[in-house]
């Protein structure tokens, strides 16, 4: 049984999250402080972490920063405010996705499942058991960028680039569909596997992070280009 760590200091919310995740078939463990959550996440074998932002001891942002320095376990942030700055900060630190309080428990479960599925595909491809998208492994290229869908390695101008599972999935999808413009909603649905309503910021932040990592000049991207009013595209060579 896959286990999910819930790091939440509000007992009522923690128990609600636990109940819905367990009904969905997950095992759960609870932590009520930042330091406790960080310790449990580092010591345990969890399929995902549901992480509140406002925690005693260490904030969710600090916990997330430490987790990303140590590994790539999927992290779903739970924020108390709907301000874009909170969401952008968390996504910028490497969160896979977020929900805003008050949230639908079923949406939280769906996002946890989607994040775990993405991480599993990444591990399987890296081990050589499957290729990205279930097809034959291949190399996707654009402007000095090489993505190996068999190993999930990404090279930019001859240097190996470290990407999160979600960043890799987004980049590989765009490269596999060169010449097609995708809106933020369409990318969220295709890459995250969920209804995109209200989650445009998630895609935008991941696009910006990708540009910082793979573009020679992120301020003037040559690979992932913006089509004003329409979305994003990787143009045909």
Foldseek 3Di string as FASTA:
>chain_A
DAEEEEEAQPVVVSVVLCVLLVVVPHHYDYHNALVVSLVCVVPDDHQEYEAEQDGPPDGSLRSLLVVVVPDQRAYEYEYADPDLVVQLSSVLSPHQYYDYPPDDSVVVNLLSVLSSVLVVLLVCLLVQNAFPPRDDWDWFDDDQWIATRNNRWIDAVRHTFDDHSLLSQLVVVQSVVAPDFAALQRSCCVRSVDRCPPPSSSSVSSVLVNLVTHAPDSVDRQAWDADPPTHTHGHDD
